C-alpha atoms as a PDB file:
ATOM      1  CA  MET A   1      -1.777 -17.647  27.405  1.00  0.00           C
ATOM      2  CA  THR A   2       0.002 -17.523  24.068  1.00  0.00           C
ATOM      3  CA  GLY A   3      -1.183 -15.299  21.251  1.00  0.00           C
ATOM      4  CA  ARG A   4      -2.653 -16.392  17.961  1.00  0.00           C
ATOM      5  CA  LEU A   5       0.575 -15.428  16.176  1.00  0.00           C
ATOM      6  CA  GLN A   6       2.987 -16.293  18.978  1.00  0.00           C
ATOM      7  CA  ASP A   7       6.624 -15.929  17.823  1.00  0.00           C
ATOM      8  CA  LYS A   8       5.634 -15.653  14.152  1.00  0.00           C
ATOM      9  CA  VAL A   9       7.593 -13.147  12.093  1.00  0.00           C
ATOM     10  CA  ALA A  10       5.358 -10.763  10.157  1.00  0.00           C
ATOM     11  CA  ILE A  11       6.407  -8.302   7.478  1.00  0.00           C
ATOM     12  CA  ILE A  12       3.794  -5.550   7.288  1.00  0.00           C
ATOM     13  CA  THR A  13       4.169  -3.034   4.465  1.00  0.00           C
ATOM     14  CA  GLY A  14       2.518   0.357   4.544  1.00  0.00           C
ATOM     15  CA  ALA A  15       2.996   0.367   8.300  1.00  0.00           C
ATOM     16  CA  GLY A  16       2.968   4.148   8.527  1.00  0.00           C
ATOM     17  CA  CYS A  17      -0.028   6.448   8.558  1.00  0.00           C
ATOM     18  CA  VAL A  18      -0.806   9.870   7.078  1.00  0.00           C
ATOM     19  CA  GLY A  19      -2.271  11.173  10.333  1.00  0.00           C
ATOM     20  CA  PRO A  20      -3.672  10.347  13.755  1.00  0.00           C
ATOM     21  CA  GLY A  21      -5.988   7.391  14.055  1.00  0.00           C
ATOM     22  CA  TRP A  22      -6.132   3.844  12.801  1.00  0.00           C
ATOM     23  CA  GLY A  23      -4.898   3.236   9.298  1.00  0.00           C
ATOM     24  CA  ASN A  24      -4.823  -0.346   8.053  1.00  0.00           C
ATOM     25  CA  GLY A  25      -1.061  -0.765   8.368  1.00  0.00           C
ATOM     26  CA  ARG A  26      -0.749   0.823  11.796  1.00  0.00           C
ATOM     27  CA  ALA A  27      -3.614  -1.273  13.120  1.00  0.00           C
ATOM     28  CA  ALA A  28      -2.139  -4.467  11.653  1.00  0.00           C
ATOM     29  CA  CYS A  29       1.201  -3.837  13.354  1.00  0.00           C
ATOM     30  CA  VAL A  30      -0.444  -3.329  16.739  1.00  0.00           C
ATOM     31  CA  ARG A  31      -2.930  -6.217  16.467  1.00  0.00           C
ATOM     32  CA  PHE A  32      -0.320  -8.679  15.245  1.00  0.00           C
ATOM     33  CA  ALA A  33       2.024  -7.618  18.042  1.00  0.00           C
ATOM     34  CA  GLU A  34      -0.756  -8.025  20.602  1.00  0.00           C
ATOM     35  CA  GLU A  35      -1.115 -11.609  19.396  1.00  0.00           C
ATOM     36  CA  GLY A  36       2.570 -12.395  19.876  1.00  0.00           C
ATOM     37  CA  ALA A  37       4.068 -11.699  16.462  1.00  0.00           C
ATOM     38  CA  ARG A  38       7.489 -10.196  15.941  1.00  0.00           C
ATOM     39  CA  VAL A  39       6.795  -7.325  13.558  1.00  0.00           C
ATOM     40  CA  PHE A  40       8.978  -6.092  10.712  1.00  0.00           C
ATOM     41  CA  ALA A  41       7.288  -2.763   9.999  1.00  0.00           C
ATOM     42  CA  VAL A  42       7.927  -1.334   6.543  1.00  0.00           C
ATOM     43  CA  ASP A  43       7.178   2.076   5.082  1.00  0.00           C
ATOM     44  CA  LEU A  44       8.733   4.530   2.649  1.00  0.00           C
ATOM     45  CA  ASN A  45       8.321   7.445   5.076  1.00  0.00           C
ATOM     46  CA  PRO A  46      10.141   7.089   8.420  1.00  0.00           C
ATOM     47  CA  ALA A  47       8.131   9.891  10.049  1.00  0.00           C
ATOM     48  CA  ALA A  48       4.850   8.192   9.159  1.00  0.00           C
ATOM     49  CA  MET A  49       5.893   5.165  11.214  1.00  0.00           C
ATOM     50  CA  GLU A  50       6.754   6.930  14.469  1.00  0.00           C
ATOM     51  CA  ASP A  51       3.345   6.576  16.117  1.00  0.00           C
ATOM     52  CA  THR A  52       2.966   3.044  14.728  1.00  0.00           C
ATOM     53  CA  LEU A  53       6.233   2.016  16.335  1.00  0.00           C
ATOM     54  CA  THR A  54       5.315   3.646  19.658  1.00  0.00           C
ATOM     55  CA  ARG A  55       1.974   1.866  19.801  1.00  0.00           C
ATOM     56  CA  THR A  56       3.423  -1.453  18.681  1.00  0.00           C
ATOM     57  CA  ARG A  57       6.269  -1.381  21.196  1.00  0.00           C
ATOM     58  CA  ALA A  58       3.755  -0.593  23.931  1.00  0.00           C
ATOM     59  CA  THR A  59       2.405  -4.137  23.507  1.00  0.00           C
ATOM     60  CA  GLY A  60       5.768  -5.507  24.647  1.00  0.00           C
ATOM     61  CA  ALA A  61       6.382  -7.189  21.303  1.00  0.00           C
ATOM     62  CA  GLU A  62       9.580  -6.937  19.302  1.00  0.00           C
ATOM     63  CA  VAL A  63       9.283  -4.604  16.322  1.00  0.00           C
ATOM     64  CA  ALA A  64      11.912  -3.607  13.784  1.00  0.00           C
ATOM     65  CA  PRO A  65      11.337  -0.664  11.404  1.00  0.00           C
ATOM     66  CA  HIS A  66      12.539  -0.719   7.817  1.00  0.00           C
ATOM     67  CA  HIS A  67      12.290   1.962   5.164  1.00  0.00           C
ATOM     68  CA  CYS A  68      11.600   0.686   1.667  1.00  0.00           C
ATOM     69  CA  ASP A  69      10.106   1.623  -1.682  1.00  0.00           C
ATOM     70  CA  VAL A  70       8.087  -1.505  -2.401  1.00  0.00           C
ATOM     71  CA  THR A  71       7.833  -0.619  -6.095  1.00  0.00           C
ATOM     72  CA  ASP A  72      11.601  -1.133  -6.428  1.00  0.00           C
ATOM     73  CA  ARG A  73      12.725  -4.740  -6.897  1.00  0.00           C
ATOM     74  CA  ALA A  74      16.202  -4.346  -5.420  1.00  0.00           C
ATOM     75  CA  ALA A  75      14.845  -2.485  -2.401  1.00  0.00           C
ATOM     76  CA  VAL A  76      12.219  -5.177  -1.794  1.00  0.00           C
ATOM     77  CA  GLU A  77      14.771  -7.962  -2.002  1.00  0.00           C
ATOM     78  CA  ALA A  78      16.978  -6.072   0.456  1.00  0.00           C
ATOM     79  CA  MET A  79      13.969  -5.632   2.765  1.00  0.00           C
ATOM     80  CA  VAL A  80      13.278  -9.364   2.895  1.00  0.00           C
ATOM     81  CA  ALA A  81      16.968 -10.092   3.420  1.00  0.00           C
ATOM     82  CA  ALA A  82      17.026  -7.590   6.303  1.00  0.00           C
ATOM     83  CA  CYS A  83      14.017  -9.246   7.944  1.00  0.00           C
ATOM     84  CA  ILE A  84      15.622 -12.670   7.708  1.00  0.00           C
ATOM     85  CA  ALA A  85      18.903 -11.303   9.056  1.00  0.00           C
ATOM     86  CA  ARG A  86      17.027  -9.833  12.038  1.00  0.00           C
ATOM     87  CA  PHE A  87      14.527 -12.596  12.800  1.00  0.00           C
ATOM     88  CA  GLY A  88      15.772 -15.654  10.905  1.00  0.00           C
ATOM     89  CA  ARG A  89      12.602 -16.268   8.883  1.00  0.00           C
ATOM     90  CA  VAL A  90       9.401 -14.821   7.416  1.00  0.00           C
ATOM     91  CA  ASP A  91       6.111 -16.443   8.424  1.00  0.00           C
ATOM     92  CA  ILE A  92       3.616 -13.775   7.400  1.00  0.00           C
ATOM     93  CA  LEU A  93       3.479 -11.050   4.776  1.00  0.00           C
ATOM     94  CA  VAL A  94       0.785  -8.374   4.913  1.00  0.00           C
ATOM     95  CA  ASN A  95       0.711  -6.212   1.800  1.00  0.00           C
ATOM     96  CA  ASN A  96      -0.917  -2.960   2.772  1.00  0.00           C
ATOM     97  CA  VAL A  97       0.620  -0.370   0.440  1.00  0.00           C
ATOM     98  CA  GLY A  98      -1.894   1.393  -1.773  1.00  0.00           C
ATOM     99  CA  GLY A  99      -3.724   4.568  -2.601  1.00  0.00           C
ATOM    100  CA  SER A 100      -6.176   6.041  -5.082  1.00  0.00           C
ATOM    101  CA  ALA A 101      -6.056   8.650  -7.811  1.00  0.00           C
ATOM    102  CA  LYS A 102      -9.183  10.139  -9.344  1.00  0.00           C
ATOM    103  CA  GLY A 103      -9.835   9.915 -13.044  1.00  0.00           C
ATOM    104  CA  GLY A 104     -11.613   7.803 -15.619  1.00  0.00           C
ATOM    105  CA  ALA A 105     -10.359   6.112 -18.766  1.00  0.00           C
ATOM    106  CA  VAL A 106     -10.025   9.369 -20.710  1.00  0.00           C
ATOM    107  CA  ASP A 107      -9.075  12.011 -18.162  1.00  0.00           C
ATOM    108  CA  LEU A 108      -6.601   9.967 -16.126  1.00  0.00           C
ATOM    109  CA  SER A 109      -3.085  10.594 -17.415  1.00  0.00           C
ATOM    110  CA  GLU A 110      -0.904   7.747 -18.603  1.00  0.00           C
ATOM    111  CA  GLU A 111       1.627   8.694 -15.944  1.00  0.00           C
ATOM    112  CA  ASP A 112      -0.974   8.415 -13.187  1.00  0.00           C
ATOM    113  CA  TRP A 113      -2.117   5.067 -14.582  1.00  0.00           C
ATOM    114  CA  ASP A 114       1.432   3.736 -14.439  1.00  0.00           C
ATOM    115  CA  ARG A 115       1.978   5.099 -10.930  1.00  0.00           C
ATOM    116  CA  GLN A 116      -1.228   3.490  -9.674  1.00  0.00           C
ATOM    117  CA  MET A 117      -0.341   0.131 -11.192  1.00  0.00           C
ATOM    118  CA  ALA A 118       3.100   0.249  -9.610  1.00  0.00           C
ATOM    119  CA  PHE A 119       1.860   1.401  -6.214  1.00  0.00           C
ATOM    120  CA  ASN A 120      -1.136  -0.887  -5.853  1.00  0.00           C
ATOM    121  CA  LEU A 121      -0.231  -3.965  -7.891  1.00  0.00           C
ATOM    122  CA  LYS A 122       3.479  -4.143  -8.683  1.00  0.00           C
ATOM    123  CA  SER A 123       4.217  -3.717  -4.973  1.00  0.00           C
ATOM    124  CA  VAL A 124       2.226  -6.889  -4.243  1.00  0.00           C
ATOM    125  CA  TYR A 125       3.972  -8.789  -7.019  1.00  0.00           C
ATOM    126  CA  LEU A 126       7.457  -7.733  -5.897  1.00  0.00           C
ATOM    127  CA  THR A 127       6.986  -8.477  -2.204  1.00  0.00           C
ATOM    128  CA  CYS A 128       5.399 -11.859  -2.906  1.00  0.00           C
ATOM    129  CA  ARG A 129       8.119 -12.663  -5.418  1.00  0.00           C
ATOM    130  CA  ALA A 130      10.772 -11.994  -2.776  1.00  0.00           C
ATOM    131  CA  VAL A 131       9.037 -13.760   0.119  1.00  0.00           C
ATOM    132  CA  LEU A 132       7.557 -16.853  -1.507  1.00  0.00           C
ATOM    133  CA  PRO A 133      10.808 -18.803  -1.986  1.00  0.00           C
ATOM    134  CA  HIS A 134      11.548 -18.484   1.741  1.00  0.00           C
ATOM    135  CA  MET A 135       8.057 -19.541   2.767  1.00  0.00           C
ATOM    136  CA  ALA A 136       8.100 -22.463   0.344  1.00  0.00           C
ATOM    137  CA  GLY A 137      11.481 -23.509   1.737  1.00  0.00           C
ATOM    138  CA  GLN A 138      10.012 -23.509   5.239  1.00  0.00           C
ATOM    139  CA  GLY A 139       6.980 -25.421   4.031  1.00  0.00           C
ATOM    140  CA  ALA A 140       4.696 -22.836   5.621  1.00  0.00           C
ATOM    141  CA  GLY A 141       3.628 -19.235   5.317  1.00  0.00           C
ATOM    142  CA  ALA A 142       0.655 -16.900   5.089  1.00  0.00           C
ATOM    143  CA  ILE A 143       0.271 -13.914   2.787  1.00  0.00           C
ATOM    144  CA  VAL A 144      -2.546 -11.410   3.186  1.00  0.00           C
ATOM    145  CA  ASN A 145      -2.956  -8.849   0.424  1.00  0.00           C
ATOM    146  CA  THR A 146      -5.130  -5.754   0.755  1.00  0.00           C
ATOM    147  CA  SER A 147      -7.539  -4.961  -2.055  1.00  0.00           C
ATOM    148  CA  SER A 148     -10.602  -2.685  -1.966  1.00  0.00           C
ATOM    149  CA  THR A 149     -14.302  -2.839  -2.723  1.00  0.00           C
ATOM    150  CA  SER A 150     -13.406  -0.457  -5.545  1.00  0.00           C
ATOM    151  CA  GLY A 151     -11.917  -3.551  -7.179  1.00  0.00           C
ATOM    152  CA  THR A 152     -15.285  -5.311  -7.151  1.00  0.00           C
ATOM    153  CA  ARG A 153     -17.877  -2.587  -7.841  1.00  0.00           C
ATOM    154  CA  TRP A 154     -18.446   1.141  -8.418  1.00  0.00           C
ATOM    155  CA  THR A 155     -17.966   2.910  -5.090  1.00  0.00           C
ATOM    156  CA  GLY A 156     -18.897   6.476  -5.946  1.00  0.00           C
ATOM    157  CA  ALA A 157     -15.964   7.947  -7.857  1.00  0.00           C
ATOM    158  CA  ALA A 158     -14.241   7.412 -11.199  1.00  0.00           C
ATOM    159  CA  GLN A 159     -10.834   6.049 -10.218  1.00  0.00           C
ATOM    160  CA  VAL A 160     -10.251   3.570 -12.988  1.00  0.00           C
ATOM    161  CA  ALA A 161      -6.599   2.774 -12.297  1.00  0.00           C
ATOM    162  CA  TYR A 162      -7.214   2.223  -8.599  1.00  0.00           C
ATOM    163  CA  ALA A 163     -10.220   0.012  -9.289  1.00  0.00           C
ATOM    164  CA  SER A 164      -8.382  -1.973 -11.952  1.00  0.00           C
ATOM    165  CA  SER A 165      -5.271  -2.499  -9.858  1.00  0.00           C
ATOM    166  CA  LYS A 166      -7.252  -3.530  -6.794  1.00  0.00           C
ATOM    167  CA  ALA A 167      -9.281  -6.000  -8.865  1.00  0.00           C
ATOM    168  CA  ALA A 168      -5.999  -7.422 -10.116  1.00  0.00           C
ATOM    169  CA  VAL A 169      -4.756  -7.859  -6.534  1.00  0.00           C
ATOM    170  CA  ILE A 170      -7.663 -10.223  -5.889  1.00  0.00           C
ATOM    171  CA  GLN A 171      -6.922 -12.349  -8.942  1.00  0.00           C
ATOM    172  CA  PHE A 172      -3.177 -12.277  -8.230  1.00  0.00           C
ATOM    173  CA  GLY A 173      -3.966 -13.803  -4.840  1.00  0.00           C
ATOM    174  CA  LYS A 174      -6.127 -16.553  -6.328  1.00  0.00           C
ATOM    175  CA  VAL A 175      -3.542 -17.624  -8.903  1.00  0.00           C
ATOM    176  CA  THR A 176      -0.683 -17.519  -6.404  1.00  0.00           C
ATOM    177  CA  ALA A 177      -2.732 -19.396  -3.807  1.00  0.00           C
ATOM    178  CA  VAL A 178      -3.291 -22.339  -6.161  1.00  0.00           C
ATOM    179  CA  GLU A 179       0.348 -22.486  -7.197  1.00  0.00           C
ATOM    180  CA  TYR A 180       1.708 -22.411  -3.644  1.00  0.00           C
ATOM    181  CA  ALA A 181      -0.907 -24.437  -1.777  1.00  0.00           C
ATOM    182  CA  PRO A 182       1.079 -27.685  -2.213  1.00  0.00           C
ATOM    183  CA  LYS A 183       4.087 -25.911  -0.699  1.00  0.00           C
ATOM    184  CA  GLY A 184       2.268 -24.976   2.515  1.00  0.00           C
ATOM    185  CA  VAL A 185       1.793 -21.301   1.713  1.00  0.00           C
ATOM    186  CA  ARG A 186      -1.643 -19.699   1.960  1.00  0.00           C
ATOM    187  CA  VAL A 187      -2.570 -16.512   0.078  1.00  0.00           C
ATOM    188  CA  ASN A 188      -5.722 -14.560   0.865  1.00  0.00           C
ATOM    189  CA  THR A 189      -7.075 -11.058   0.408  1.00  0.00           C
ATOM    190  CA  VAL A 190      -8.805  -8.553   2.659  1.00  0.00           C
ATOM    191  CA  VAL A 191     -11.222  -6.269   0.803  1.00  0.00           C
ATOM    192  CA  PRO A 192     -11.938  -3.127   2.864  1.00  0.00           C
ATOM    193  CA  GLY A 193     -14.799  -0.842   2.001  1.00  0.00           C
ATOM    194  CA  GLN A 194     -15.261   2.802   2.915  1.00  0.00           C
ATOM    195  CA  LEU A 195     -13.586   2.991   6.294  1.00  0.00           C
ATOM    196  CA  HIS A 196     -12.792   6.028   8.394  1.00  0.00           C
ATOM    197  CA  THR A 197      -9.016   5.958   8.244  1.00  0.00           C
ATOM    198  CA  PRO A 198      -6.721   9.006   8.452  1.00  0.00           C
ATOM    199  CA  MET A 199      -6.662   9.007   4.638  1.00  0.00           C
ATOM    200  CA  VAL A 200     -10.167  10.543   4.683  1.00  0.00           C
ATOM    201  CA  GLU A 201      -8.972  13.780   6.272  1.00  0.00           C
ATOM    202  CA  ALA A 202      -5.523  13.805   4.689  1.00  0.00           C
ATOM    203  CA  ARG A 203      -6.432  13.164   1.063  1.00  0.00           C
ATOM    204  CA  LEU A 204      -9.896  11.984   0.107  1.00  0.00           C
ATOM    205  CA  ALA A 205     -11.876  14.976   1.374  1.00  0.00           C
ATOM    206  CA  GLY A 206      -9.788  17.253  -0.821  1.00  0.00           C
ATOM    207  CA  GLN A 207     -10.090  14.984  -3.851  1.00  0.00           C
ATOM    208  CA  ARG A 208     -13.813  14.324  -3.652  1.00  0.00           C
ATOM    209  CA  ALA A 209     -15.579  16.841  -1.431  1.00  0.00           C
ATOM    210  CA  GLY A 210     -13.733  20.141  -1.784  1.00  0.00           C
ATOM    211  CA  GLY A 211     -12.164  19.636   1.631  1.00  0.00           C
ATOM    212  CA  ASP A 212     -15.500  19.041   3.377  1.00  0.00           C
ATOM    213  CA  VAL A 213     -14.557  16.189   5.710  1.00  0.00           C
ATOM    214  CA  ASP A 214     -17.938  16.009   7.443  1.00  0.00           C
ATOM    215  CA  GLY A 215     -19.736  16.009   4.110  1.00  0.00           C
ATOM    216  CA  LEU A 216     -17.591  13.179   2.769  1.00  0.00           C
ATOM    217  CA  LEU A 217     -18.061  11.143   5.944  1.00  0.00           C
ATOM    218  CA  ALA A 218     -21.819  11.575   5.672  1.00  0.00           C
ATOM    219  CA  GLN A 219     -21.776  10.423   2.042  1.00  0.00           C
ATOM    220  CA  ARG A 220     -19.772   7.344   2.928  1.00  0.00           C
ATOM    221  CA  VAL A 221     -21.901   6.377   5.928  1.00  0.00           C
ATOM    222  CA  ALA A 222     -25.054   6.704   3.812  1.00  0.00           C
ATOM    223  CA  ARG A 223     -23.813   3.840   1.615  1.00  0.00           C
ATOM    224  CA  ILE A 224     -23.293   1.437   4.514  1.00  0.00           C
ATOM    225  CA  PRO A 225     -26.263  -0.681   5.654  1.00  0.00           C
ATOM    226  CA  MET A 226     -24.890  -0.932   9.180  1.00  0.00           C
ATOM    227  CA  GLY A 227     -25.071   2.862   9.435  1.00  0.00           C
ATOM    228  CA  TRP A 228     -21.537   3.485  10.703  1.00  0.00           C
ATOM    229  CA  MET A 229     -17.961   3.203   9.461  1.00  0.00           C
ATOM    230  CA  GLY A 230     -15.283   0.901  10.728  1.00  0.00           C
ATOM    231  CA  ASP A 231     -11.606   1.816  10.677  1.00  0.00           C
ATOM    232  CA  GLY A 232      -8.233   0.184  10.146  1.00  0.00           C
ATOM    233  CA  ARG A 233      -8.696  -2.065  13.159  1.00  0.00           C
ATOM    234  CA  ASP A 234     -11.465  -3.897  11.329  1.00  0.00           C
ATOM    235  CA  THR A 235      -9.202  -4.553   8.364  1.00  0.00           C
ATOM    236  CA  ALA A 236      -6.433  -5.639  10.733  1.00  0.00           C
ATOM    237  CA  ASN A 237      -8.678  -8.102  12.546  1.00  0.00           C
ATOM    238  CA  ALA A 238      -9.634  -9.729   9.252  1.00  0.00           C
ATOM    239  CA  ALA A 239      -5.970  -9.928   8.246  1.00  0.00           C
ATOM    240  CA  LEU A 240      -5.115 -11.365  11.663  1.00  0.00           C
ATOM    241  CA  PHE A 241      -7.610 -14.182  11.195  1.00  0.00           C
ATOM    242  CA  LEU A 242      -6.326 -14.995   7.709  1.00  0.00           C
ATOM    243  CA  ALA A 243      -2.704 -14.964   8.906  1.00  0.00           C
ATOM    244  CA  SER A 244      -3.424 -17.205  11.890  1.00  0.00           C
ATOM    245  CA  ASP A 245      -3.703 -20.974  12.112  1.00  0.00           C
ATOM    246  CA  GLU A 246      -7.438 -20.506  12.599  1.00  0.00           C
ATOM    247  CA  ALA A 247      -7.537 -20.009   8.827  1.00  0.00           C
ATOM    248  CA  ARG A 248      -5.369 -23.061   8.118  1.00  0.00           C
ATOM    249  CA  PHE A 249      -7.852 -24.429   5.525  1.00  0.00           C
ATOM    250  CA  ILE A 250      -8.473 -21.084   3.802  1.00  0.00           C
ATOM    251  CA  THR A 251      -6.527 -19.991   0.744  1.00  0.00           C
ATOM    252  CA  GLY A 252      -7.379 -18.134  -2.436  1.00  0.00           C
ATOM    253  CA  SER A 253     -10.237 -16.401  -0.624  1.00  0.00           C
ATOM    254  CA  GLU A 254     -11.369 -12.897   0.284  1.00  0.00           C
ATOM    255  CA  ILE A 255     -12.904 -11.323   3.366  1.00  0.00           C
ATOM    256  CA  THR A 256     -14.883  -8.162   2.626  1.00  0.00           C
ATOM    257  CA  VAL A 257     -14.843  -5.601   5.441  1.00  0.00           C
ATOM    258  CA  ASP A 258     -17.440  -2.991   4.521  1.00  0.00           C
ATOM    259  CA  GLY A 259     -20.506  -3.140   6.775  1.00  0.00           C
ATOM    260  CA  GLY A 260     -22.537  -4.669   3.952  1.00  0.00           C
ATOM    261  CA  MET A 261     -21.947  -1.849   1.469  1.00  0.00           C
ATOM    262  CA  SER A 262     -20.906  -3.975  -1.472  1.00  0.00           C
ATOM    263  CA  VAL A 263     -23.947  -6.278  -1.316  1.00  0.00           C
ATOM    264  CA  ARG A 264     -26.462  -3.459  -1.168  1.00  0.00           C
ATOM    265  CA  CYS A 265     -28.680  -3.163  -4.251  1.00  0.00           C
ATOM    266  CA  ASP A 266     -29.085   0.611  -4.393  1.00  0.00           C
END
């Protein structure tokens, strides 16, 4: 039986992870590989990708690591060129780089605002800018960008740059989807909610709960109607669907992965 992405070439950015467990990028690499994709795994930190590469190779799929700062235009162009040199084409791009910084409109520094915009939004623009001509030349391609429910509603913390940049990712996908639909390229967005990824222990608990991991997890679960938190595998499964031919008539759309949190009234 062939996989849903059999022999497709997928660039997955943010493929590393800040700790043990299932981050969005790590899970996407493994799930895409399980479905037959050849994975070009990209991250700025080589050490963060070690476990991702081990798990991905265990599927028997071909995976090639690449280290890249996706906020740097020249580095991104070199990344895409390296993928094409290795695999001959690019069929799928999953943009998974991102992260939050606390602070509202007054207390967030201008420097942090600029860093958030570059990390969360410019990275999407640069990777799409580099990949789209190749996909359009092939007459086919699928791009899946990763936003956040913070880009659609208040999610419990003042993080204005993160929320603004993630909202912009959604609209970037809509505009790009319309432009490239006639060229056979689909662009969609996954919108994860409050998942239990390694980022909770590594960063968020310190930012928002004084290091109290259990307390932060309890706060997050309390917002979710389903009563439990998913993890990066849930984001990856949504991205897998959008990247596959099963979603051939879907473009300019979003899938929210949050256990119902963002439609709750209270």
